[in-house]
Amino acid sequence: MGGMRIALKAVSGPLKDKVFPLKEGLTIGRQGAGIALDDAKISSIHARIVKTGEDWFVTDNNSKNGIRVNGEKVDSVELKVGNSFWAGDTHFLVVGVAHKEKPKPTKKQRYWHSVLVEFIEEHAAAFKDRVRPVSPLEPALVLEFVRGTKSIRNRILGFGPRKVGSASVDLPIWEPGAPATCFEVLPTPEGLLFKTAHKHIVTLNGEAIDSQVLRMGDTIRILDTLIEVDFAE
């Protein structure tokens, strides 16, 4: 179902006007956190977003400067629309945003299957010594390069498995210190699976995760490169 989704909006600080939909396990902190703030007052993992029943909270993670409401340090703040708190120099306001539904497969998405079949038939000889089963990605995956050294802002992936990294011909990541294969995208019955062998360098939503089914709004961080996940309609 559609509807409203609760999110944090930065109304001041280094990420001013950025909006972050709430999700279990989201962290606020320095480099590597789900909400990464370039702020000396912020600890490595400063605070965490947690859900208790149907209610959302931001809780301090024993940080040096804590989270503040009206100038007072607090351990936790309930995240209801209209509430606000400070983390370092960033003032966060709780807002409601439109919830995006995962798009249903359409004729346009089935088009990828036709293209894939034609490509394999035309180039069958080139693959005769290498068995590499490929499948259409339904819905097609959109990788939006929000920050980093990648010159192309968006890439739409219509078939897979696909690898992303400097070893990839069509999806290279020229990030100093990044692995040759940063992560893979694999089609599975449950959805499009993110998989990495370098979870401490390549994080999903600020967390070190080996593999997880991708969802709209997920973020993938490779050192200073930030990628946002979407799906083609």
Protein backbone atom coordinates (compact mmCIF):
# COMPACT_ATOMS: atom_id res chain seq x y z
CA MET A 1 0.00 0.00 0.00
CA GLY A 2 1.04 3.58 -0.54
CA GLY A 3 0.75 6.32 2.06
CA MET A 4 3.08 8.32 4.24
CA ARG A 5 6.43 7.22 5.57
CA ILE A 6 8.30 8.83 8.46
CA ALA A 7 11.68 10.37 7.64
CA LEU A 8 14.37 12.62 9.10
CA LYS A 9 15.06 15.91 7.33
CA ALA A 10 18.29 17.79 8.02
CA VAL A 11 17.28 21.44 8.38
CA SER A 12 20.81 22.60 9.20
CA GLY A 13 24.35 21.27 9.09
CA PRO A 14 26.43 19.60 6.34
CA LEU A 15 23.48 17.61 4.95
CA LYS A 16 20.94 20.45 5.01
CA ASP A 17 17.69 19.65 3.11
CA LYS A 18 18.56 15.95 2.75
CA VAL A 19 15.74 13.55 3.68
CA PHE A 20 16.35 10.08 5.15
CA PRO A 21 13.40 7.63 5.39
CA LEU A 22 13.47 5.69 8.67
CA LYS A 23 14.52 2.07 8.60
CA GLU A 24 15.49 -0.40 11.30
CA GLY A 25 19.22 -0.23 12.04
CA LEU A 26 19.82 3.18 10.43
CA THR A 27 22.75 4.94 12.12
CA ILE A 28 23.89 8.55 12.50
CA GLY A 29 27.64 9.11 12.70
CA ARG A 30 30.81 9.76 10.76
CA GLN A 31 32.03 8.02 7.57
CA GLY A 32 30.38 4.62 7.17
CA ALA A 33 27.15 5.49 9.00
CA GLY A 34 23.80 5.44 7.21
CA ILE A 35 23.55 9.20 7.80
CA ALA A 36 27.19 10.31 7.60
CA LEU A 37 27.96 13.78 8.98
CA ASP A 38 31.25 15.58 8.39
CA ASP A 39 31.17 17.13 11.85
CA ALA A 40 33.87 17.01 14.55
CA LYS A 41 31.13 16.95 17.22
CA ILE A 42 29.79 13.65 15.91
CA SER A 43 31.04 10.27 17.14
CA SER A 44 31.82 7.36 14.80
CA ILE A 45 28.40 5.83 15.52
CA HIS A 46 26.62 8.68 17.29
CA ALA A 47 23.03 7.43 17.43
CA ARG A 48 20.80 4.62 16.18
CA ILE A 49 17.26 4.46 14.83
CA VAL A 50 15.24 1.71 16.54
CA LYS A 51 11.64 0.56 16.26
CA THR A 52 9.64 -0.61 19.26
CA GLY A 53 6.30 -2.01 18.20
CA GLU A 54 4.89 0.62 15.86
CA ASP A 55 6.92 3.49 17.33
CA TRP A 56 10.27 4.85 16.12
CA PHE A 57 13.01 6.28 18.33
CA VAL A 58 16.48 7.76 17.93
CA THR A 59 18.76 6.61 20.77
CA ASP A 60 22.16 7.95 21.78
CA ASN A 61 24.99 5.42 21.27
CA ASN A 62 27.04 6.58 24.29
CA SER A 63 28.40 9.40 22.14
CA LYS A 64 30.59 12.17 23.55
CA ASN A 65 28.20 15.04 22.77
CA GLY A 66 24.93 13.12 22.78
CA ILE A 67 21.65 14.08 21.13
CA ARG A 68 19.88 17.24 22.26
CA VAL A 69 16.34 18.58 22.49
CA ASN A 70 15.89 22.25 23.37
CA GLY A 71 19.55 22.42 24.38
CA GLU A 72 19.30 19.48 26.82
CA LYS A 73 21.10 16.15 26.32
CA VAL A 74 18.69 13.20 26.17
CA ASP A 75 19.12 9.45 25.81
CA SER A 76 16.25 8.92 23.39
CA VAL A 77 13.69 10.84 21.34
CA GLU A 78 10.44 9.46 19.96
CA LEU A 79 10.27 10.15 16.23
CA LYS A 80 6.81 11.54 15.55
CA VAL A 81 6.11 13.99 12.74
CA GLY A 82 6.92 17.48 14.00
CA ASN A 83 9.43 16.39 16.66
CA SER A 84 13.06 17.44 16.27
CA PHE A 85 16.51 16.94 17.80
CA TRP A 86 20.13 17.96 17.33
CA ALA A 87 23.16 15.76 16.60
CA GLY A 88 26.27 17.93 16.55
CA ASP A 89 25.58 20.92 14.29
CA THR A 90 22.74 19.18 12.46
CA HIS A 91 19.13 19.88 13.40
CA PHE A 92 16.88 16.97 12.37
CA LEU A 93 13.14 17.41 11.89
CA VAL A 94 10.77 14.42 11.72
CA VAL A 95 8.64 14.69 8.56
CA GLY A 96 6.23 12.57 6.57
CA VAL A 97 7.11 11.65 2.99
CA ALA A 98 5.20 9.81 0.26
CA HIS A 99 5.91 6.09 0.35
CA LYS A 100 7.06 4.65 -2.98
CA GLU A 101 5.62 1.30 -3.91
CA LYS A 102 7.83 -1.33 -5.48
CA PRO A 103 6.84 -1.21 -9.16
CA LYS A 104 5.06 -4.19 -10.62
CA PRO A 105 6.55 -5.91 -13.69
CA THR A 106 5.27 -4.27 -16.86
CA LYS A 107 5.53 -4.88 -20.58
CA LYS A 108 8.48 -2.50 -20.60
CA GLN A 109 10.28 -4.70 -18.07
CA ARG A 110 9.47 -7.86 -20.04
CA TYR A 111 11.22 -6.16 -22.95
CA TRP A 112 14.52 -6.83 -21.17
CA HIS A 113 13.87 -10.56 -21.48
CA SER A 114 13.40 -10.30 -25.27
CA VAL A 115 16.60 -8.27 -25.64
CA LEU A 116 18.50 -10.78 -23.51
CA VAL A 117 17.30 -13.79 -25.50
CA GLU A 118 18.22 -12.13 -28.81
CA PHE A 119 21.66 -11.18 -27.46
CA ILE A 120 22.44 -14.71 -26.25
CA GLU A 121 21.29 -16.30 -29.52
CA GLU A 122 23.36 -13.85 -31.58
CA HIS A 123 26.51 -14.30 -29.47
CA ALA A 124 26.14 -17.97 -28.54
CA ALA A 125 29.51 -18.86 -30.11
CA ALA A 126 31.33 -16.39 -27.87
CA PHE A 127 29.93 -18.08 -24.77
CA LYS A 128 30.29 -21.73 -25.81
CA ASP A 129 33.26 -22.34 -23.51
CA ARG A 130 31.88 -20.36 -20.58
CA VAL A 131 28.60 -21.31 -18.92
CA ARG A 132 27.24 -18.09 -17.44
CA PRO A 133 23.49 -18.29 -16.86
CA VAL A 134 21.90 -14.85 -16.97
CA SER A 135 18.39 -13.71 -16.19
CA PRO A 136 16.39 -10.50 -16.58
CA LEU A 137 16.26 -8.33 -13.47
CA GLU A 138 12.58 -7.70 -12.84
CA PRO A 139 12.04 -4.91 -12.02
CA ALA A 140 15.11 -3.37 -13.63
CA LEU A 141 17.55 -2.04 -11.02
CA VAL A 142 18.58 1.63 -11.01
CA LEU A 143 21.88 2.55 -9.34
CA GLU A 144 22.09 6.29 -8.67
CA PHE A 145 25.65 7.42 -7.99
CA VAL A 146 24.99 10.20 -5.47
CA ARG A 147 28.63 10.80 -4.57
CA GLY A 148 32.02 9.51 -5.70
CA THR A 149 34.34 9.19 -8.68
CA LYS A 150 31.84 7.53 -11.06
CA SER A 151 31.26 9.90 -13.97
CA ILE A 152 27.86 8.45 -14.98
CA ARG A 153 25.15 9.45 -12.50
CA ASN A 154 22.61 6.67 -13.12
CA ARG A 155 22.87 3.11 -14.44
CA ILE A 156 19.88 0.89 -15.23
CA LEU A 157 20.58 -2.84 -14.96
CA GLY A 158 18.16 -4.99 -16.93
CA PHE A 159 19.83 -8.41 -16.61
CA GLY A 160 22.16 -10.21 -14.23
CA PRO A 161 24.10 -11.40 -12.34
CA ARG A 162 26.12 -8.17 -12.49
CA LYS A 163 29.38 -7.17 -10.81
CA VAL A 164 30.32 -3.64 -9.77
CA GLY A 165 33.95 -2.60 -9.30
CA SER A 166 37.17 -1.79 -11.16
CA ALA A 167 37.19 -5.32 -12.65
CA SER A 168 33.81 -4.67 -14.31
CA VAL A 169 33.84 -3.50 -17.93
CA ASP A 170 30.51 -1.65 -17.85
CA LEU A 171 30.18 -0.86 -14.13
CA PRO A 172 33.67 0.16 -12.95
CA ILE A 173 34.24 1.92 -9.64
CA TRP A 174 37.45 3.96 -9.68
CA GLU A 175 37.56 4.48 -5.93
CA PRO A 176 41.12 4.36 -4.50
CA GLY A 177 41.37 1.39 -2.15
CA ALA A 178 38.14 -0.24 -3.35
CA PRO A 179 38.10 -3.98 -4.17
CA ALA A 180 38.24 -5.11 -7.82
CA THR A 181 34.73 -6.54 -7.34
CA CYS A 182 32.94 -4.39 -4.79
CA PHE A 183 29.60 -6.18 -4.91
CA GLU A 184 27.34 -8.32 -7.08
CA VAL A 185 23.64 -8.14 -7.89
CA LEU A 186 22.02 -11.57 -8.27
CA PRO A 187 18.43 -12.35 -9.35
CA THR A 188 16.69 -14.63 -6.82
CA PRO A 189 13.07 -15.72 -6.23
CA GLU A 190 12.97 -13.33 -3.24
CA GLY A 191 14.21 -10.33 -5.26
CA LEU A 192 17.49 -8.75 -6.35
CA LEU A 193 20.23 -9.89 -3.96
CA PHE A 194 23.12 -7.62 -2.92
CA LYS A 195 26.25 -9.69 -2.18
CA THR A 196 29.76 -8.62 -1.18
CA ALA A 197 32.93 -10.32 0.02
CA HIS A 198 34.16 -7.02 1.48
CA LYS A 199 31.46 -6.03 3.97
CA HIS A 200 33.77 -3.79 6.02
CA ILE A 201 34.55 -1.66 2.94
CA VAL A 202 31.26 -2.02 1.07
CA THR A 203 28.33 -1.33 3.41
CA LEU A 204 24.57 -1.54 2.91
CA ASN A 205 22.58 1.16 4.74
CA GLY A 206 25.66 1.84 6.86
CA GLU A 207 25.90 -1.77 8.05
CA ALA A 208 28.47 -4.52 7.33
CA ILE A 209 26.24 -7.06 5.55
CA ASP A 210 27.33 -10.04 3.41
CA SER A 211 24.09 -10.32 1.46
CA GLN A 212 20.56 -8.96 1.53
CA VAL A 213 17.64 -8.47 -0.86
CA LEU A 214 17.69 -4.89 -2.13
CA ARG A 215 14.81 -2.52 -1.47
CA MET A 216 13.96 0.89 -2.85
CA GLY A 217 15.85 3.61 -0.96
CA ASP A 218 18.72 1.36 0.17
CA THR A 219 22.17 2.98 0.11
CA ILE A 220 25.44 1.27 -0.80
CA ARG A 221 28.65 2.92 0.35
CA ILE A 222 32.10 2.08 -1.07
CA LEU A 223 34.54 4.26 0.89
CA ASP A 224 33.64 7.77 -0.41
CA THR A 225 31.30 6.53 -3.15
CA LEU A 226 27.58 6.54 -2.28
CA ILE A 227 24.99 4.72 -4.39
CA GLU A 228 21.22 4.87 -3.91
CA VAL A 229 18.98 1.98 -4.99
CA ASP A 230 15.82 2.47 -7.04
CA PHE A 231 13.76 0.42 -9.49
CA ALA A 232 12.65 1.31 -13.03
CA GLU A 233 8.92 1.68 -13.49
